[in-house]
Each structure stands twice: as C-alpha cells, then as structure tokens.
Amino acid sequence: MDIGKFVFEAKKIPNLSRPGAIAKEIMYWTEFQSWLTDKICLLVLKSRRKVPPGQEKIFVEQLVYSYLIRDWQNQLAASHFKQIEQSLGEGKQRQAVLLRLQEILQQKVLSSINSPEDLLLRSSGLIVKKIGKLKFANPIYKAVFTQRWLLKQLAEIEENSSSVNTSESYAKASFILNSKLNSTRKSANAKSIKKIAIASMVVISLGIVVKTLPQISGLIVAYRCNHKPLKPLNLGDLSSSEISKYCRNRY
C-alpha cells in the first residue's frame, strides 16, 4: 500500500482525524521503503485507537516499536529483517562488511569509498548513499541492526572460525597419529612407539577428546631400546604433561 492510498482509506476512519499527519510520521520511519511502508499503513488502518490531533507521532512510534522493532525476531517483519541479515555475506566477507557497518554506526554518516563492503551494504538495502555519504536507509533499520546486534554477529563469526581451525588442526593431528599407528602395526619397536606417544600428545594438546586414544594401549605394547617389554600405556587416561613425562622417562 502506498501513502496516497493510505490517506484515502484513512479518511474513512473517524478515529484518525488527521491522516496526512499520520502519513508524515510513517514516512519518517520508513523513508519510503515500500515493504515497511505497506506494513505500517496496514497496522494503522487496523488499529482501533483514537488518535487525537497532535498525538500522531507517539501513535505511529508505538506501533513501530510494538510490532516491528521490539523482539523483532518474533515480530511482523522478522522475515524481512532476516533477509537483510543473510544478505551481508559469509565468513571473512561478512566480517569485513560488519566492521564497515560498525564504522557507520559509530560515525552516523560516513563517506562512501565504493569498496566491496560498501556495495554489499547498499545492495542489501540496509545502507544508502546520499550526497557521497553512507547512512542507514531508515530509522527502523538503525533501531534493529544495532551495535549490540553487530557485536553478536562478529562473535558468532569468530566462534565459527575457531571451530573450523580446531577441526582442521584435529584432522592434521589425526592424520599424523594414524600414520604412526599404521607404521607401528608393521614394526613395533621403541622408536616407532615413541613417535606414537608424541603424535598423541599433539592431539591431546588441542584440547579435543579423541576416540582413538584409548585404543593405543594395545598397540603401545612397547619395547625399550633393548626390546624389554614395558607396562602398556593407555594414553586415553593420561594428560599431555603425564605423557610427556612418560616419554622422557621411558625413551
């Protein structure tokens, strides 16, 4: 619904004594963003409240906060805001875009440099360029995509990045460990057993619970350099410091 149609329909409602003044307040909040304008116009028309002259600003503001901004993830515009949220890229690109958005938040307006981040922010509809400056497209977006929201998004990216790095480290360490295990199956001597212990320490030092560690006790049947059997070592029950001590004492 456009503003012209809204004013026409609002004139039919006795409780809305000044449709033009209400339309002005709607435009303040949406900056003519069509989806938001349509939703707020419908909210106003469906409202049963009487709006005395001079109360239009408070009336529209209350509707906007109650039905759009407050707890927005569960409100009328949730899908609209989530679409914007998801359009800001992924991984490193998303992080760079959010950091650029943080600059806009802190400085209110910022000169556009037509960087990839600027272009993505503008294509999402969240940010607009006016007279060479970047700013939020409307007050509603600014009230939804706040500093608190931004910091949460950055924290999630950091957490996901750490998780990926840990998984990669685990994969590398597991590869080393499996290589040593395969080698030991062919030749169980003191030198290869020591390599298993060291490889196992690498995995443990990552702070990851590794399912294969308890199985090593059967493989580290162990020989000293003179091939005398040692007590079997269950790495799954030892800390990295204990394993290190074991290696120093035994090999």
Protein backbone atom coordinates (compact mmCIF):
# COMPACT_ATOMS: atom_id res chain seq x y z
CA MET A 1 0.00 0.00 0.00
CA ASP A 2 1.39 3.39 -0.98
CA ILE A 3 0.92 6.57 1.04
CA GLY A 4 -1.66 8.03 -1.33
CA LYS A 5 -3.93 5.01 -0.96
CA PHE A 6 -3.35 5.02 2.80
CA VAL A 7 -4.51 8.64 3.15
CA PHE A 8 -7.57 7.90 1.02
CA GLU A 9 -8.52 4.90 3.19
CA ALA A 10 -7.66 6.65 6.48
CA LYS A 11 -10.09 9.46 5.75
CA LYS A 12 -12.89 6.93 6.07
CA ILE A 13 -11.91 6.12 9.68
CA PRO A 14 -13.36 8.54 12.27
CA ASN A 15 -10.65 7.76 14.84
CA LEU A 16 -7.94 9.08 12.51
CA SER A 17 -8.67 12.80 12.46
CA ARG A 18 -5.51 13.82 10.58
CA PRO A 19 -4.44 11.12 8.08
CA GLY A 20 -1.90 13.45 6.48
CA ALA A 21 -0.05 13.93 9.78
CA ILE A 22 0.00 10.17 10.37
CA ALA A 23 1.31 9.60 6.83
CA LYS A 24 4.14 12.04 7.56
CA GLU A 25 5.16 10.05 10.63
CA ILE A 26 5.06 6.78 8.68
CA MET A 27 7.38 8.29 6.08
CA TYR A 28 9.78 9.40 8.82
CA TRP A 29 10.17 5.80 10.00
CA THR A 30 10.33 4.08 6.62
CA GLU A 31 11.98 6.67 4.34
CA PHE A 32 9.63 5.35 1.64
CA GLN A 33 10.87 1.74 1.95
CA SER A 34 7.92 0.06 0.27
CA TRP A 35 7.69 -3.13 2.36
CA LEU A 36 7.86 -1.30 5.69
CA THR A 37 5.50 1.43 4.48
CA ASP A 38 2.90 -1.14 3.48
CA LYS A 39 3.07 -2.92 6.84
CA ILE A 40 2.80 0.21 8.96
CA CYS A 41 -0.06 1.60 6.88
CA LEU A 42 -1.98 -1.64 7.41
CA LEU A 43 -1.22 -1.54 11.14
CA VAL A 44 -2.61 1.97 11.38
CA LEU A 45 -5.75 1.12 9.43
CA LYS A 46 -6.41 -1.96 11.55
CA SER A 47 -5.86 -0.12 14.82
CA ARG A 48 -8.96 0.75 16.80
CA ARG A 49 -7.26 3.51 18.76
CA LYS A 50 -8.46 7.05 18.56
CA VAL A 51 -5.64 9.40 17.61
CA PRO A 52 -6.30 12.98 18.80
CA PRO A 53 -4.66 15.84 16.87
CA GLY A 54 -1.03 16.24 17.94
CA GLN A 55 -0.68 12.61 19.05
CA GLU A 56 0.21 11.19 15.62
CA LYS A 57 3.95 10.97 16.33
CA ILE A 58 3.51 8.98 19.56
CA PHE A 59 0.84 6.77 17.98
CA VAL A 60 2.99 5.72 15.00
CA GLU A 61 6.12 5.34 17.12
CA GLN A 62 4.33 2.97 19.50
CA LEU A 63 3.09 0.86 16.59
CA VAL A 64 6.57 0.67 15.08
CA TYR A 65 8.23 -0.41 18.32
CA SER A 66 5.48 -2.81 19.35
CA TYR A 67 5.06 -4.62 16.03
CA LEU A 68 8.40 -4.21 14.23
CA ILE A 69 11.40 -3.33 16.40
CA ARG A 70 10.92 -4.81 19.87
CA ASP A 71 11.80 -8.53 19.86
CA TRP A 72 11.98 -8.24 16.07
CA GLN A 73 13.00 -11.90 15.53
CA ASN A 74 9.46 -12.89 16.53
CA GLN A 75 7.54 -9.97 15.10
CA LEU A 76 5.75 -8.97 11.92
CA ALA A 77 8.90 -8.02 9.97
CA ALA A 78 11.11 -10.92 11.08
CA SER A 79 11.44 -12.43 7.58
CA HIS A 80 12.24 -9.02 6.09
CA PHE A 81 14.99 -8.29 8.60
CA LYS A 82 16.42 -11.81 8.39
CA GLN A 83 16.65 -11.46 4.62
CA ILE A 84 18.79 -8.37 5.10
CA GLU A 85 20.81 -10.14 7.78
CA GLN A 86 21.54 -13.06 5.45
CA SER A 87 22.48 -10.82 2.53
CA LEU A 88 25.61 -9.49 4.24
CA GLY A 89 27.89 -12.27 3.01
CA GLU A 90 29.59 -15.12 4.83
CA GLY A 91 32.83 -15.78 6.70
CA LYS A 92 35.61 -13.26 6.12
CA GLN A 93 33.50 -11.24 3.70
CA ARG A 94 30.70 -10.91 6.27
CA GLN A 95 33.20 -9.92 8.95
CA ALA A 96 34.59 -7.14 6.73
CA VAL A 97 31.07 -5.91 5.91
CA LEU A 98 30.08 -5.84 9.59
CA LEU A 99 33.23 -3.93 10.53
CA ARG A 100 32.37 -1.38 7.87
CA LEU A 101 28.84 -1.17 9.27
CA GLN A 102 30.33 -0.59 12.70
CA GLU A 103 32.11 2.49 11.36
CA ILE A 104 28.81 3.82 10.06
CA LEU A 105 27.16 3.13 13.43
CA GLN A 106 29.88 4.98 15.30
CA GLN A 107 30.10 7.98 12.98
CA LYS A 108 26.42 8.15 11.97
CA VAL A 109 27.40 9.10 8.40
CA LEU A 110 30.49 8.04 6.51
CA SER A 111 31.98 8.91 3.15
CA SER A 112 31.46 6.17 0.58
CA ILE A 113 34.62 4.70 -0.97
CA ASN A 114 32.73 2.26 -3.20
CA SER A 115 34.54 -0.66 -1.63
CA PRO A 116 33.09 -4.21 -1.97
CA GLU A 117 31.78 -3.80 1.58
CA ASP A 118 30.05 -0.52 0.74
CA LEU A 119 28.46 -2.00 -2.36
CA LEU A 120 27.21 -5.06 -0.47
CA LEU A 121 25.72 -2.93 2.31
CA ARG A 122 23.92 -0.80 -0.26
CA SER A 123 22.69 -3.76 -2.31
CA SER A 124 21.22 -5.28 0.88
CA GLY A 125 19.07 -2.17 1.29
CA LEU A 126 20.35 -1.62 4.81
CA ILE A 127 22.56 1.35 3.87
CA VAL A 128 22.02 4.11 1.31
CA LYS A 129 24.35 6.62 -0.26
CA LYS A 130 23.26 10.24 -0.13
CA ILE A 131 25.47 13.08 -1.34
CA GLY A 132 28.51 10.81 -1.16
CA LYS A 133 27.75 9.71 2.40
CA LEU A 134 26.69 6.31 3.75
CA LYS A 135 23.83 6.14 6.26
CA PHE A 136 21.10 3.77 7.39
CA ALA A 137 18.25 3.58 4.92
CA ASN A 138 15.70 4.43 7.61
CA PRO A 139 15.33 4.75 11.41
CA ILE A 140 13.75 1.29 11.68
CA TYR A 141 16.81 -0.45 10.27
CA LYS A 142 19.01 1.56 12.59
CA ALA A 143 16.89 0.53 15.58
CA VAL A 144 17.06 -3.15 14.59
CA PHE A 145 20.65 -3.52 13.42
CA THR A 146 22.26 -2.01 16.48
CA GLN A 147 25.74 -2.17 17.98
CA ARG A 148 24.55 -5.00 20.22
CA TRP A 149 23.31 -6.99 17.22
CA LEU A 150 26.55 -6.28 15.35
CA LEU A 151 28.81 -7.44 18.19
CA LYS A 152 26.81 -10.66 18.49
CA GLN A 153 27.25 -11.31 14.76
CA LEU A 154 31.01 -10.69 14.96
CA ALA A 155 31.28 -13.02 17.96
CA GLU A 156 29.48 -15.79 16.04
CA ILE A 157 31.86 -15.39 13.10
CA GLU A 158 34.84 -15.62 15.45
CA GLU A 159 33.39 -18.70 17.14
CA ASN A 160 32.73 -20.42 13.82
CA SER A 161 36.22 -19.54 12.62
CA SER A 162 37.78 -21.02 15.77
CA SER A 163 35.70 -24.15 15.33
CA VAL A 164 36.88 -24.56 11.74
CA ASN A 165 40.51 -24.02 12.74
CA THR A 166 40.20 -26.57 15.54
CA SER A 167 38.65 -29.09 13.16
CA GLU A 168 41.48 -28.56 10.68
CA SER A 169 44.08 -28.98 13.43
CA TYR A 170 42.34 -32.12 14.64
CA ALA A 171 42.34 -33.54 11.11
CA LYS A 172 46.06 -32.90 10.72
CA ALA A 173 46.88 -34.35 14.12
CA SER A 174 44.68 -37.39 13.48
CA PHE A 175 46.45 -37.98 10.18
CA ILE A 176 49.83 -37.93 11.94
CA LEU A 177 48.56 -40.24 14.65
CA ASN A 178 47.04 -42.72 12.22
CA SER A 179 50.24 -42.75 10.18
CA LYS A 180 52.23 -43.64 13.27
CA LEU A 181 49.74 -46.33 14.25
CA ASN A 182 49.92 -47.92 10.82
CA SER A 183 53.69 -47.84 10.95
CA THR A 184 53.72 -49.49 14.38
CA ARG A 185 51.47 -52.30 13.27
CA LYS A 186 54.26 -53.28 10.87
CA SER A 187 57.14 -52.73 13.23
CA ALA A 188 56.55 -52.42 16.99
CA ASN A 189 59.86 -51.02 18.18
CA ALA A 190 60.80 -48.39 20.72
CA LYS A 191 61.43 -45.68 18.15
CA SER A 192 58.03 -46.01 16.44
CA ILE A 193 56.25 -46.28 19.82
CA LYS A 194 57.81 -43.04 20.91
CA LYS A 195 56.55 -41.40 17.72
CA ILE A 196 53.03 -42.54 18.56
CA ALA A 197 53.26 -41.04 22.02
CA ILE A 198 54.45 -37.73 20.60
CA ALA A 199 51.76 -37.69 17.92
CA SER A 200 49.17 -38.44 20.59
CA MET A 201 50.39 -35.52 22.66
CA VAL A 202 49.85 -33.25 19.67
CA VAL A 203 46.22 -34.33 19.51
CA ILE A 204 45.67 -34.01 23.25
CA SER A 205 47.26 -30.57 23.35
CA LEU A 206 44.47 -29.33 21.09
CA GLY A 207 42.02 -29.93 23.91
CA ILE A 208 40.00 -32.36 21.82
CA VAL A 209 38.58 -35.66 23.02
CA VAL A 210 39.89 -38.24 20.59
CA LYS A 211 38.10 -41.56 20.42
CA THR A 212 41.14 -43.47 19.15
CA LEU A 213 43.41 -42.70 22.11
CA PRO A 214 42.22 -45.50 24.43
CA GLN A 215 42.88 -47.96 21.62
CA ILE A 216 46.56 -47.11 21.62
CA SER A 217 47.18 -49.08 24.82
CA GLY A 218 47.00 -52.30 22.86
CA LEU A 219 49.47 -51.04 20.27
CA ILE A 220 51.98 -49.49 22.62
CA VAL A 221 52.93 -52.90 23.87
CA ALA A 222 56.30 -51.32 23.87
CA TYR A 223 59.92 -52.14 23.84
CA ARG A 224 62.83 -50.40 25.41
CA CYS A 225 65.83 -49.86 23.19
CA ASN A 226 66.96 -53.32 24.37
CA HIS A 227 63.46 -54.68 23.47
CA LYS A 228 62.41 -55.46 27.04
CA PRO A 229 58.62 -55.13 27.39
CA LEU A 230 57.20 -52.17 29.28
CA LYS A 231 53.90 -51.78 31.06
CA PRO A 232 51.20 -50.96 28.46
CA LEU A 233 50.38 -47.24 28.26
CA ASN A 234 46.77 -46.09 27.89
CA LEU A 235 47.05 -42.54 26.55
CA GLY A 236 43.32 -42.06 26.91
CA ASP A 237 43.74 -41.90 30.69
CA LEU A 238 46.72 -39.53 30.74
CA SER A 239 47.15 -35.80 30.45
CA SER A 240 49.60 -34.31 27.96
CA SER A 241 52.06 -33.50 30.77
CA GLU A 242 51.90 -37.09 32.01
CA ILE A 243 52.53 -38.39 28.50
CA SER A 244 55.46 -36.03 28.12
CA LYS A 245 56.89 -37.28 31.42
CA TYR A 246 56.30 -40.86 30.31
CA CYS A 247 58.24 -40.24 27.09
CA ARG A 248 61.16 -38.64 28.91
CA ASN A 249 61.37 -41.46 31.43
CA ARG A 250 60.83 -44.36 29.08
CA TYR A 251 62.58 -43.35 25.88
